[in-house]
Amino acid sequence: MNLTLLDAVIFGAYILGVIGLGIYASRKAQQTKRDYFLAGDKLPWWMIGGSIIAANISSHHLVGAMGMAYSRGFVAIAMEWGAILMGFNALLWIFLPFYIRNGFYTVPEFLEKRFGTAARATYAGLILLTYVLVEISAVLYLGALSLHSLLGISVMTCVVILAVITGIYTIAGGLRAVIYTEMLQLIVLVMGGIALTIATVNAAGGISAVTDTMKDWDLILPANDPDFPWTMYLGGVLCISVFYCATNQFIVQRVLAAKNEWHARMGVVFGDYLKFLVPLIITVPALVAPKLFPDLEKPDLLFPTLVEKLLPTGLVGLVMAGLIAAVMSHLSGAINSCTTILTVDIYLPYFRKKATEAEAVRFGRWAGAVIIVIGILCTGLFLTQSKKPVFLYLMNAYGLFTPGIAAMFLLGILWKRTTHAGALAAGILTIPMSIAMEVIFPAMPFFNRTGIVFWTCVVLCIIVSLLTKPVPEAQLKGLIWNRESLKLPADLLQQSKGLRSPTLWWALITGVVLYFYIVYA
């Protein structure tokens, strides 16, 4: 596809703008761990919510989820809206107070304080594998696939370009640079998504084309559906959602950087609203696209096809910038989370306990460079998955790691009798059990397999905990959920009254999501 001069100018201006903003943010950073990894604990609610969604929505949504919606319909949105009801609720009402009040840098720190060093190391290892194999590699692959389709540049060349550009400001400025650039990227992403949605709907016949598809809007499908059976909500979606939204350093790191707990809570609620709206601009074009392009060879090519065939001069550059914004925001967040965990959970406790602030930051930057190289090398794994929508591969990959992690965290914070041995049993056995389920029951929907492994991990954790010595009550202070955890600290209660109440805005968006699930069940 030959870009016009206007498209190239818009696209180039965006790239230069992001790099410039990232470098500006990095120059404001201080050489301290708290500033590099948590932006100095100064994030307001709107930055927290915006950055959560900017980091979350990426090429596996614009490319993968759009391809899935093209082939499967409205149900592709279920994972996104289900996260509002499950994962973000778990973060908001169960985990958030303990993360904030204990002053953690990373999620694994909670596991160490609750269970011990082995649980922390187990989680750190599992989550790093997830980030490199799923987050970084998949995002690079899907973003490069679209750029290749539009520009004709080889896929691996696009992978390297995306990784290097993002790595420059991410490594230099830490979380502060990541957050600053994510806010710009969110704006560009939404503008590009809206432009593509309007163009596609108009080409398909207008609003009536969308309403014609509403008869097929099903969020709850039969139990024998190969991809999205209703039984997925009984365990598979639950554990993946809880892991991704509530125990995932990639998301939680933004909450840990909040000014205070009110900003943290309101930021998560604001993220709920964006989480509801953004998937609509991804799904709606895919719902009407079969009228225009009924026989696409690969659903994952829907996004570049719509851009190439439907958009006028100028908008092509904007939508391409939106795609790259999604890739870069997600990639920078994943890289930053990897460097934080490698530094705080592995380097400092095991290799350099007496490292200075500057040495910790320096190691974080070198770790970021290594992670980028590994991510580029692992991108080739996705070439073997080209026969099916990559979005399904991503969910399947999450299913390998997440059941044990979700079980460890949920039982650890909700049940005081959970022991270190019980948590380790769940965490260590989750991958072998997931692989065994896939080998023994290859035809079973992966959400169901994941759900079975999750509940097996829960039962295993309970049995092992009951057979081992309980943790002394004194060690559990401030680590077990209770009703008081739902309340803001006394000094912040005055700030949360009336329209400033996170509970009020949470109830409103929760009601809207439940309405859609009831109407389109």
Protein backbone atom coordinates (compact mmCIF):
# COMPACT_ATOMS: atom_id res chain seq x y z
CA MET A 1 0.00 0.00 0.00
CA ASN A 2 1.42 3.36 -1.04
CA LEU A 3 0.98 6.01 1.64
CA THR A 4 0.25 9.56 0.54
CA LEU A 5 2.45 12.38 1.78
CA LEU A 6 -0.27 13.46 4.25
CA ASP A 7 -0.52 9.96 5.73
CA ALA A 8 3.25 9.73 6.06
CA VAL A 9 3.42 13.15 7.75
CA ILE A 10 0.70 12.23 10.28
CA PHE A 11 2.30 8.88 11.02
CA GLY A 12 5.80 10.35 11.29
CA ALA A 13 4.60 13.19 13.53
CA TYR A 14 3.09 10.67 15.91
CA ILE A 15 6.29 8.60 16.11
CA LEU A 16 8.43 11.69 16.73
CA GLY A 17 5.90 12.98 19.26
CA VAL A 18 5.98 9.78 21.31
CA ILE A 19 9.77 9.60 21.30
CA GLY A 20 10.03 13.28 22.26
CA LEU A 21 7.48 12.94 25.06
CA GLY A 22 9.19 9.82 26.37
CA ILE A 23 12.60 11.52 26.42
CA TYR A 24 11.08 14.59 28.12
CA ALA A 25 9.53 12.40 30.81
CA SER A 26 12.78 10.48 31.30
CA ARG A 27 14.66 13.73 31.96
CA LYS A 28 12.24 14.55 34.79
CA ALA A 29 12.93 11.22 36.49
CA GLN A 30 15.23 10.95 39.48
CA GLN A 31 17.76 8.17 39.99
CA THR A 32 15.71 6.40 42.69
CA LYS A 33 13.93 3.05 42.62
CA ARG A 34 10.62 4.58 43.64
CA ASP A 35 10.78 7.16 40.86
CA TYR A 36 12.01 4.83 38.11
CA PHE A 37 9.72 1.89 38.85
CA LEU A 38 6.65 3.68 40.36
CA ALA A 39 6.84 7.23 38.93
CA GLY A 40 7.45 8.62 42.42
CA ASP A 41 3.97 7.61 43.71
CA LYS A 42 2.42 10.71 42.13
CA LEU A 43 -0.16 9.39 39.63
CA PRO A 44 -3.69 10.91 39.72
CA TRP A 45 -6.79 8.78 39.09
CA TRP A 46 -7.25 9.75 35.44
CA MET A 47 -3.67 8.78 34.60
CA ILE A 48 -4.07 5.46 36.41
CA GLY A 49 -7.28 4.50 34.59
CA GLY A 50 -6.10 5.79 31.24
CA SER A 51 -2.73 4.06 31.43
CA ILE A 52 -4.32 0.76 32.54
CA ILE A 53 -6.44 0.66 29.40
CA ALA A 54 -3.76 2.08 27.10
CA ALA A 55 -1.45 -0.71 28.27
CA ASN A 56 -4.21 -3.32 28.09
CA ILE A 57 -5.59 -2.54 24.62
CA SER A 58 -3.00 -3.48 22.05
CA SER A 59 -2.42 -5.10 18.69
CA HIS A 60 -3.94 -8.34 19.94
CA HIS A 61 -7.19 -6.36 20.24
CA LEU A 62 -7.01 -4.23 17.08
CA VAL A 63 -5.81 -7.26 15.11
CA GLY A 64 -6.58 -10.37 17.15
CA ALA A 65 -9.88 -9.46 18.84
CA MET A 66 -11.13 -7.77 15.66
CA GLY A 67 -10.33 -10.96 13.74
CA MET A 68 -12.12 -13.03 16.37
CA ALA A 69 -15.21 -10.77 16.22
CA TYR A 70 -15.19 -11.13 12.42
CA SER A 71 -15.33 -14.92 12.66
CA ARG A 72 -17.32 -15.40 15.87
CA GLY A 73 -19.36 -12.22 16.33
CA PHE A 74 -20.30 -10.18 19.39
CA VAL A 75 -19.18 -12.84 21.88
CA ALA A 76 -15.59 -11.76 21.24
CA ILE A 77 -16.28 -8.80 23.52
CA ALA A 78 -17.19 -11.08 26.43
CA MET A 79 -13.60 -11.37 27.67
CA GLU A 80 -13.28 -7.58 27.86
CA TRP A 81 -16.56 -6.88 29.64
CA GLY A 82 -16.18 -9.98 31.79
CA ALA A 83 -13.01 -8.40 33.17
CA ILE A 84 -15.08 -5.50 34.53
CA LEU A 85 -17.29 -7.89 36.48
CA MET A 86 -14.51 -10.24 37.65
CA GLY A 87 -10.90 -9.12 37.46
CA PHE A 88 -11.23 -5.40 38.09
CA ASN A 89 -13.76 -6.02 40.85
CA ALA A 90 -11.25 -8.36 42.51
CA LEU A 91 -8.59 -5.66 42.24
CA LEU A 92 -10.85 -2.87 43.48
CA TRP A 93 -12.56 -4.59 46.41
CA ILE A 94 -10.14 -7.33 47.49
CA PHE A 95 -6.49 -6.72 46.62
CA LEU A 96 -6.01 -2.96 46.16
CA PRO A 97 -6.09 -1.94 49.86
CA PHE A 98 -3.37 -4.45 50.74
CA TYR A 99 -1.13 -3.44 47.84
CA ILE A 100 -1.37 0.27 48.67
CA ARG A 101 -1.23 0.09 52.47
CA ASN A 102 1.86 -2.13 52.46
CA GLY A 103 3.77 0.12 50.06
CA PHE A 104 4.76 -2.66 47.68
CA TYR A 105 6.85 -2.13 44.54
CA THR A 106 5.71 -5.38 42.97
CA VAL A 107 2.94 -7.96 43.25
CA PRO A 108 5.38 -10.76 44.21
CA GLU A 109 6.20 -8.80 47.37
CA PHE A 110 2.67 -9.53 48.60
CA LEU A 111 3.31 -13.26 48.18
CA GLU A 112 6.56 -13.07 50.13
CA LYS A 113 4.93 -11.21 53.00
CA ARG A 114 1.99 -13.63 53.00
CA PHE A 115 3.83 -16.91 52.37
CA GLY A 116 7.60 -16.61 51.97
CA THR A 117 10.44 -16.20 49.49
CA ALA A 118 9.74 -19.39 47.50
CA ALA A 119 6.21 -18.24 46.62
CA ARG A 120 7.59 -14.88 45.54
CA ALA A 121 10.24 -16.51 43.34
CA THR A 122 7.71 -18.95 41.83
CA TYR A 123 5.36 -16.13 40.85
CA ALA A 124 8.22 -14.02 39.48
CA GLY A 125 9.35 -16.89 37.26
CA LEU A 126 5.84 -17.66 35.98
CA ILE A 127 5.00 -14.04 35.28
CA LEU A 128 8.24 -13.33 33.43
CA LEU A 129 7.57 -16.31 31.16
CA THR A 130 4.06 -14.99 30.56
CA TYR A 131 5.26 -11.50 29.68
CA VAL A 132 7.98 -12.62 27.29
CA LEU A 133 6.03 -15.42 25.56
CA VAL A 134 2.58 -13.81 25.54
CA GLU A 135 2.65 -10.06 26.10
CA ILE A 136 5.82 -8.87 24.38
CA SER A 137 6.19 -11.46 21.62
CA ALA A 138 2.50 -11.55 20.66
CA VAL A 139 2.17 -7.78 20.57
CA LEU A 140 5.28 -7.44 18.42
CA TYR A 141 4.08 -10.15 16.05
CA LEU A 142 0.58 -8.77 15.54
CA GLY A 143 1.74 -5.17 15.21
CA ALA A 144 4.42 -6.19 12.73
CA LEU A 145 1.92 -8.31 10.78
CA SER A 146 -0.29 -5.28 10.20
CA LEU A 147 2.59 -2.99 9.29
CA HIS A 148 3.84 -5.63 6.87
CA SER A 149 0.39 -5.87 5.26
CA LEU A 150 0.15 -2.10 4.86
CA LEU A 151 3.72 -1.17 3.97
CA GLY A 152 5.23 -4.31 2.50
CA ILE A 153 8.20 -4.29 4.89
CA SER A 154 9.23 -7.75 6.13
CA VAL A 155 7.61 -8.88 9.37
CA MET A 156 10.87 -9.29 11.28
CA THR A 157 12.06 -5.85 10.19
CA CYS A 158 8.84 -4.37 11.55
CA VAL A 159 9.33 -6.33 14.79
CA VAL A 160 12.80 -4.87 15.29
CA ILE A 161 11.70 -1.31 14.48
CA LEU A 162 8.77 -1.43 16.92
CA ALA A 163 10.89 -2.95 19.68
CA VAL A 164 13.78 -0.50 19.33
CA ILE A 165 11.64 2.65 19.16
CA THR A 166 9.62 1.64 22.22
CA GLY A 167 12.69 0.47 24.11
CA ILE A 168 14.46 3.82 23.78
CA TYR A 169 12.11 5.83 26.01
CA THR A 170 10.96 2.91 28.18
CA ILE A 171 14.48 2.03 29.28
CA ALA A 172 15.49 5.67 29.68
CA GLY A 173 12.54 6.94 31.71
CA GLY A 174 10.96 3.97 33.51
CA LEU A 175 7.30 4.06 34.52
CA ARG A 176 7.08 7.86 34.31
CA ALA A 177 7.97 7.81 30.60
CA VAL A 178 5.63 4.84 30.07
CA ILE A 179 2.67 6.63 31.66
CA TYR A 180 3.25 9.94 29.87
CA THR A 181 3.45 8.30 26.46
CA GLU A 182 0.51 5.99 27.21
CA MET A 183 -1.81 8.95 27.73
CA LEU A 184 -0.91 10.32 24.28
CA GLN A 185 -1.18 6.85 22.80
CA LEU A 186 -4.65 6.32 24.30
CA ILE A 187 -5.92 9.48 22.62
CA VAL A 188 -4.45 8.50 19.25
CA LEU A 189 -5.75 4.93 19.61
CA VAL A 190 -9.31 6.08 20.35
CA MET A 191 -9.28 8.65 17.52
CA GLY A 192 -8.00 6.07 15.05
CA GLY A 193 -10.51 3.47 16.24
CA ILE A 194 -13.44 5.86 15.92
CA ALA A 195 -12.33 6.88 12.41
CA LEU A 196 -12.12 3.25 11.29
CA THR A 197 -15.47 2.39 12.90
CA ILE A 198 -17.26 5.28 11.18
CA ALA A 199 -15.72 4.47 7.79
CA THR A 200 -16.60 0.76 8.04
CA VAL A 201 -20.16 1.31 9.24
CA ASN A 202 -20.81 3.89 6.52
CA ALA A 203 -19.47 1.55 3.84
CA ALA A 204 -21.64 -1.30 5.13
CA GLY A 205 -24.84 0.75 4.97
CA GLY A 206 -24.87 2.93 8.06
CA ILE A 207 -26.28 2.33 11.53
CA SER A 208 -28.84 -0.10 10.14
CA ALA A 209 -25.97 -2.44 9.24
CA VAL A 210 -25.05 -2.56 12.93
CA THR A 211 -28.63 -3.01 14.16
CA ASP A 212 -29.09 -5.86 11.67
CA THR A 213 -26.38 -7.79 13.53
CA MET A 214 -27.99 -7.30 16.95
CA LYS A 215 -30.16 -10.40 16.55
CA ASP A 216 -26.93 -12.41 16.70
CA TRP A 217 -25.46 -10.62 19.72
CA ASP A 218 -24.98 -13.52 22.10
CA LEU A 219 -22.73 -13.18 25.12
CA ILE A 220 -23.72 -16.58 26.53
CA LEU A 221 -23.24 -19.49 24.10
CA PRO A 222 -24.12 -23.22 24.47
CA ALA A 223 -21.87 -25.50 26.51
CA ASN A 224 -20.75 -27.33 23.34
CA ASP A 225 -19.38 -24.21 21.65
CA PRO A 226 -15.73 -24.93 20.69
CA ASP A 227 -14.37 -21.53 21.78
CA PHE A 228 -16.77 -19.69 24.09
CA PRO A 229 -19.03 -22.17 25.98
CA TRP A 230 -21.05 -20.62 28.83
CA THR A 231 -19.14 -22.93 31.18
CA MET A 232 -16.07 -20.75 30.66
CA TYR A 233 -17.45 -18.36 33.30
CA LEU A 234 -17.30 -21.14 35.93
CA GLY A 235 -13.53 -21.11 36.13
CA GLY A 236 -11.52 -20.34 32.98
CA VAL A 237 -12.57 -16.72 32.52
CA LEU A 238 -12.63 -16.21 36.28
CA CYS A 239 -9.03 -17.21 36.91
CA ILE A 240 -7.63 -15.51 33.78
CA SER A 241 -9.50 -12.30 34.61
CA VAL A 242 -8.46 -12.30 38.26
CA PHE A 243 -4.86 -12.96 37.31
CA TYR A 244 -4.69 -10.38 34.52
CA CYS A 245 -6.48 -7.52 36.27
CA ALA A 246 -5.78 -8.06 39.98
CA THR A 247 -2.49 -9.95 40.41
CA ASN A 248 -0.63 -8.93 37.26
CA GLN A 249 2.33 -6.56 37.71
CA PHE A 250 1.63 -5.19 34.23
CA ILE A 251 -1.71 -3.72 35.40
CA VAL A 252 -1.21 -3.38 39.15
CA GLN A 253 2.02 -1.36 38.84
CA ARG A 254 -0.02 1.67 37.80
CA VAL A 255 -2.19 1.32 40.90
CA LEU A 256 0.88 1.00 43.13
CA ALA A 257 2.06 4.38 41.78
CA ALA A 258 -1.11 6.25 42.88
CA LYS A 259 -0.97 9.43 44.97
CA ASN A 260 -3.13 7.75 47.59
CA GLU A 261 -5.78 5.04 47.94
CA TRP A 262 -8.65 7.28 46.75
CA HIS A 263 -6.82 7.98 43.49
CA ALA A 264 -6.04 4.27 43.17
CA ARG A 265 -9.69 3.25 43.60
CA MET A 266 -11.06 5.98 41.36
CA GLY A 267 -8.44 5.13 38.75
CA VAL A 268 -9.60 1.51 38.60
CA VAL A 269 -13.24 2.65 38.27
CA PHE A 270 -12.30 5.07 35.47
CA GLY A 271 -10.53 2.16 33.81
CA ASP A 272 -13.84 0.22 33.96
CA TYR A 273 -15.53 2.89 31.84
CA LEU A 274 -12.75 2.87 29.27
CA LYS A 275 -12.75 -0.94 29.33
CA PHE A 276 -16.43 -0.84 28.42
CA LEU A 277 -16.17 1.73 25.61
CA VAL A 278 -12.88 0.94 23.85
CA PRO A 279 -13.77 -2.66 22.83
CA LEU A 280 -16.89 -1.33 21.09
CA ILE A 281 -14.80 0.58 18.53
CA ILE A 282 -12.90 -2.65 17.88
CA THR A 283 -15.88 -5.01 17.71
CA VAL A 284 -18.45 -2.94 15.78
CA PRO A 285 -16.40 -2.71 12.54
CA ALA A 286 -15.84 -6.48 12.66
CA LEU A 287 -19.56 -7.17 13.04
CA VAL A 288 -20.44 -5.43 9.77
CA ALA A 289 -17.24 -6.32 7.89
CA PRO A 290 -18.60 -9.65 6.53
CA LYS A 291 -20.98 -7.60 4.36
CA LEU A 292 -17.99 -5.94 2.73
CA PHE A 293 -15.37 -8.71 2.82
CA PRO A 294 -17.16 -12.04 3.27
CA ASP A 295 -14.29 -14.37 2.39
CA LEU A 296 -11.15 -13.19 4.17
CA GLU A 297 -8.54 -15.94 4.15
CA LYS A 298 -7.26 -14.98 7.63
CA PRO A 299 -9.48 -13.14 10.14
CA ASP A 300 -6.37 -11.52 11.64
CA LEU A 301 -5.96 -9.55 8.39
CA LEU A 302 -9.30 -7.76 8.79
CA PHE A 303 -7.77 -4.66 10.38
CA PRO A 304 -5.23 -3.92 7.62
CA THR A 305 -7.84 -4.82 4.99
CA LEU A 306 -10.29 -2.23 6.34
CA VAL A 307 -7.56 0.39 6.51
CA GLU A 308 -6.37 -0.26 2.96
CA LYS A 309 -9.80 -0.51 1.32
CA LEU A 310 -11.96 2.01 3.18
CA LEU A 311 -9.99 4.90 4.60
CA PRO A 312 -9.33 8.14 2.70
CA THR A 313 -6.05 10.03 2.61
CA GLY A 314 -5.07 11.33 6.04
CA LEU A 315 -7.13 8.86 8.01
CA VAL A 316 -4.85 6.02 6.94
CA GLY A 317 -1.97 7.75 8.70
CA LEU A 318 -4.12 8.39 11.80
CA VAL A 319 -5.32 4.79 12.08
CA MET A 320 -1.83 3.44 11.51
CA ALA A 321 -0.66 5.74 14.27
CA GLY A 322 -3.47 4.32 16.42
CA LEU A 323 -2.23 0.79 15.76
CA ILE A 324 1.35 1.69 16.60
CA ALA A 325 0.09 3.56 19.68
CA ALA A 326 -1.59 0.36 20.86
CA VAL A 327 1.53 -1.70 20.21
CA MET A 328 3.95 0.73 21.83
CA SER A 329 1.84 1.39 24.94
CA HIS A 330 1.35 -2.31 25.61
CA LEU A 331 4.95 -3.15 24.83
CA SER A 332 6.40 -0.40 27.01
CA GLY A 333 4.22 -1.47 29.93
CA ALA A 334 5.28 -5.11 29.61
CA ILE A 335 8.96 -4.22 29.35
CA ASN A 336 8.76 -1.94 32.37
CA SER A 337 6.98 -4.61 34.42
CA CYS A 338 9.63 -7.18 33.49
CA THR A 339 12.45 -4.87 34.52
CA THR A 340 10.70 -4.05 37.80
CA ILE A 341 10.26 -7.72 38.74
CA LEU A 342 13.77 -8.68 37.61
CA THR A 343 15.23 -5.85 39.69
CA VAL A 344 13.07 -5.86 42.83
CA ASP A 345 12.23 -9.56 43.08
CA ILE A 346 15.37 -11.23 41.72
CA TYR A 347 18.43 -8.94 41.46
CA LEU A 348 18.12 -7.10 44.79
CA PRO A 349 17.12 -9.99 47.10
CA TYR A 350 19.34 -12.66 45.56
CA PHE A 351 22.35 -10.92 44.01
CA ARG A 352 22.87 -7.37 45.37
CA LYS A 353 21.06 -6.85 48.65
CA LYS A 354 23.13 -3.75 49.36
CA ALA A 355 22.83 -2.19 45.91
CA THR A 356 22.46 1.58 45.82
CA GLU A 357 19.45 3.31 44.25
CA ALA A 358 21.51 4.17 41.16
CA GLU A 359 22.77 0.59 40.81
CA ALA A 360 19.21 -0.76 40.98
CA VAL A 361 18.06 1.65 38.27
CA ARG A 362 21.09 0.81 36.13
CA PHE A 363 20.34 -2.91 36.38
CA GLY A 364 16.71 -2.22 35.46
CA ARG A 365 17.80 -0.50 32.27
CA TRP A 366 20.13 -3.33 31.25
CA ALA A 367 17.40 -5.86 32.05
CA GLY A 368 15.02 -3.95 29.78
CA ALA A 369 17.44 -4.18 26.87
CA VAL A 370 17.85 -7.94 27.37
CA ILE A 371 14.08 -8.46 27.60
CA ILE A 372 13.58 -6.64 24.29
CA VAL A 373 16.12 -8.88 22.55
CA ILE A 374 14.51 -12.04 23.96
CA GLY A 375 11.06 -10.79 22.93
CA ILE A 376 12.23 -10.26 19.35
CA LEU A 377 13.69 -13.76 19.22
CA CYS A 378 10.51 -15.34 20.64
CA THR A 379 8.29 -13.59 18.10
CA GLY A 380 9.03 -16.37 15.62
CA LEU A 381 6.90 -18.70 17.78
CA PHE A 382 3.76 -17.03 16.48
CA LEU A 383 4.51 -17.88 12.87
CA THR A 384 3.43 -21.46 13.68
CA GLN A 385 0.06 -20.20 14.97
CA SER A 386 -1.02 -18.49 11.76
CA LYS A 387 -3.75 -21.03 10.96
CA LYS A 388 -6.06 -19.77 13.70
CA PRO A 389 -6.78 -16.31 15.20
CA VAL A 390 -3.82 -15.37 17.36
CA PHE A 391 -6.24 -14.01 19.97
CA LEU A 392 -7.19 -17.62 20.76
CA TYR A 393 -3.54 -18.55 21.09
CA LEU A 394 -3.05 -15.73 23.59
CA MET A 395 -5.94 -16.89 25.76
CA ASN A 396 -4.69 -20.46 25.57
CA ALA A 397 -1.21 -19.36 26.65
CA TYR A 398 -2.68 -17.48 29.61
CA GLY A 399 -4.47 -20.69 30.54
CA LEU A 400 -1.12 -22.44 31.08
CA PHE A 401 0.15 -20.01 33.71
CA THR A 402 -2.81 -18.42 35.41
CA PRO A 403 -4.82 -21.10 37.28
CA GLY A 404 -2.18 -21.63 39.95
CA ILE A 405 -1.41 -17.93 40.29
CA ALA A 406 -5.07 -17.03 40.74
CA ALA A 407 -5.51 -19.82 43.31
CA MET A 408 -2.43 -18.67 45.27
CA PHE A 409 -3.63 -15.09 45.51
CA LEU A 410 -7.33 -15.67 46.12
CA LEU A 411 -6.85 -18.26 48.85
CA GLY A 412 -3.91 -16.34 50.29
CA ILE A 413 -5.92 -13.19 50.87
CA LEU A 414 -9.35 -14.72 51.59
CA TRP A 415 -8.45 -17.75 53.76
CA LYS A 416 -6.03 -17.31 56.66
CA ARG A 417 -5.42 -21.08 56.90
CA THR A 418 -3.60 -21.09 53.52
CA THR A 419 0.03 -22.10 54.03
CA HIS A 420 3.24 -21.60 52.10
CA ALA A 421 3.28 -25.27 51.07
CA GLY A 422 -0.30 -25.07 49.79
CA ALA A 423 0.41 -21.97 47.71
CA LEU A 424 3.58 -23.50 46.24
CA ALA A 425 1.72 -26.69 45.32
CA ALA A 426 -0.80 -24.66 43.31
CA GLY A 427 1.82 -22.44 41.67
CA ILE A 428 4.30 -25.14 40.72
CA LEU A 429 1.79 -27.69 39.38
CA THR A 430 -0.31 -25.31 37.27
CA ILE A 431 1.79 -25.69 34.07
CA PRO A 432 2.14 -29.52 34.21
CA MET A 433 -1.58 -29.92 34.88
CA SER A 434 -2.49 -27.50 32.07
CA ILE A 435 -0.28 -29.33 29.59
CA ALA A 436 -1.68 -32.70 30.71
CA MET A 437 -5.26 -31.47 30.21
CA GLU A 438 -4.41 -30.28 26.70
CA VAL A 439 -2.84 -33.63 25.82
CA ILE A 440 -5.62 -35.76 27.34
CA PHE A 441 -8.57 -33.60 26.26
CA PRO A 442 -7.45 -31.75 23.09
CA ALA A 443 -11.02 -31.24 21.86
CA MET A 444 -12.21 -29.62 25.08
CA PRO A 445 -12.53 -25.80 24.89
CA PHE A 446 -9.45 -24.29 26.48
CA PHE A 447 -11.57 -22.15 28.83
CA ASN A 448 -13.04 -25.35 30.27
CA ARG A 449 -9.61 -26.97 30.57
CA THR A 450 -8.32 -23.87 32.33
CA GLY A 451 -11.29 -23.85 34.68
CA ILE A 452 -10.74 -27.48 35.65
CA VAL A 453 -7.06 -26.82 36.35
CA PHE A 454 -7.98 -23.73 38.39
CA TRP A 455 -10.40 -25.57 40.68
CA THR A 456 -7.94 -28.46 40.96
CA CYS A 457 -5.28 -25.97 42.09
CA VAL A 458 -7.74 -24.54 44.64
CA VAL A 459 -8.56 -27.99 46.06
CA LEU A 460 -4.89 -28.97 46.06
CA CYS A 461 -3.93 -25.78 47.87
CA ILE A 462 -6.64 -26.37 50.50
CA ILE A 463 -5.65 -30.01 51.11
CA VAL A 464 -1.92 -29.26 51.39
CA SER A 465 -2.63 -26.28 53.65
CA LEU A 466 -4.74 -28.38 56.01
CA LEU A 467 -1.97 -30.98 56.19
CA THR A 468 0.74 -28.44 57.03
CA LYS A 469 1.40 -26.14 59.96
CA PRO A 470 -0.76 -22.98 59.96
CA VAL A 471 0.77 -19.51 59.82
CA PRO A 472 0.80 -17.72 63.20
CA GLU A 473 -1.96 -15.10 63.55
CA ALA A 474 0.57 -12.37 64.27
CA GLN A 475 2.19 -12.81 60.85
CA LEU A 476 -1.13 -12.36 59.05
CA LYS A 477 -1.91 -8.88 60.36
CA GLY A 478 -2.87 -6.60 57.46
CA LEU A 479 -2.78 -9.41 54.90
CA ILE A 480 -6.21 -11.10 55.16
CA TRP A 481 -9.35 -9.57 53.66
CA ASN A 482 -12.13 -8.32 55.93
CA ARG A 483 -15.01 -5.86 55.68
CA GLU A 484 -12.85 -3.02 56.90
CA SER A 485 -10.78 -3.46 53.75
CA LEU A 486 -13.70 -2.11 51.72
CA LYS A 487 -13.46 1.29 53.40
CA LEU A 488 -11.04 4.02 52.55
CA PRO A 489 -8.66 5.14 55.31
CA ALA A 490 -10.21 7.67 57.69
CA ASP A 491 -8.19 10.60 56.32
CA LEU A 492 -9.59 10.00 52.80
CA LEU A 493 -13.28 9.47 53.63
CA GLN A 494 -14.09 13.16 53.34
CA GLN A 495 -12.60 13.19 49.84
CA SER A 496 -14.91 10.42 48.60
CA LYS A 497 -18.35 11.85 49.35
CA GLY A 498 -21.06 12.65 46.78
CA LEU A 499 -19.94 12.61 43.14
CA ARG A 500 -16.39 11.89 44.26
CA SER A 501 -17.39 8.48 45.57
CA PRO A 502 -15.69 5.59 43.73
CA THR A 503 -18.55 3.33 44.85
CA LEU A 504 -21.14 5.48 43.07
CA TRP A 505 -19.35 5.42 39.73
CA TRP A 506 -18.52 1.73 40.14
CA ALA A 507 -22.20 0.84 40.68
CA LEU A 508 -23.21 2.76 37.54
CA ILE A 509 -20.81 1.03 35.12
CA THR A 510 -21.43 -2.36 36.72
CA GLY A 511 -25.16 -1.93 36.15
CA VAL A 512 -24.61 -1.07 32.48
CA VAL A 513 -22.46 -4.17 31.87
CA LEU A 514 -24.95 -6.43 33.66
CA TYR A 515 -27.73 -4.98 31.49
CA PHE A 516 -25.94 -6.09 28.32
CA TYR A 517 -25.31 -9.56 29.72
CA ILE A 518 -28.98 -9.92 30.65
CA VAL A 519 -30.36 -8.58 27.36
CA TYR A 520 -27.92 -10.42 25.11
CA ALA A 521 -27.61 -13.67 27.04
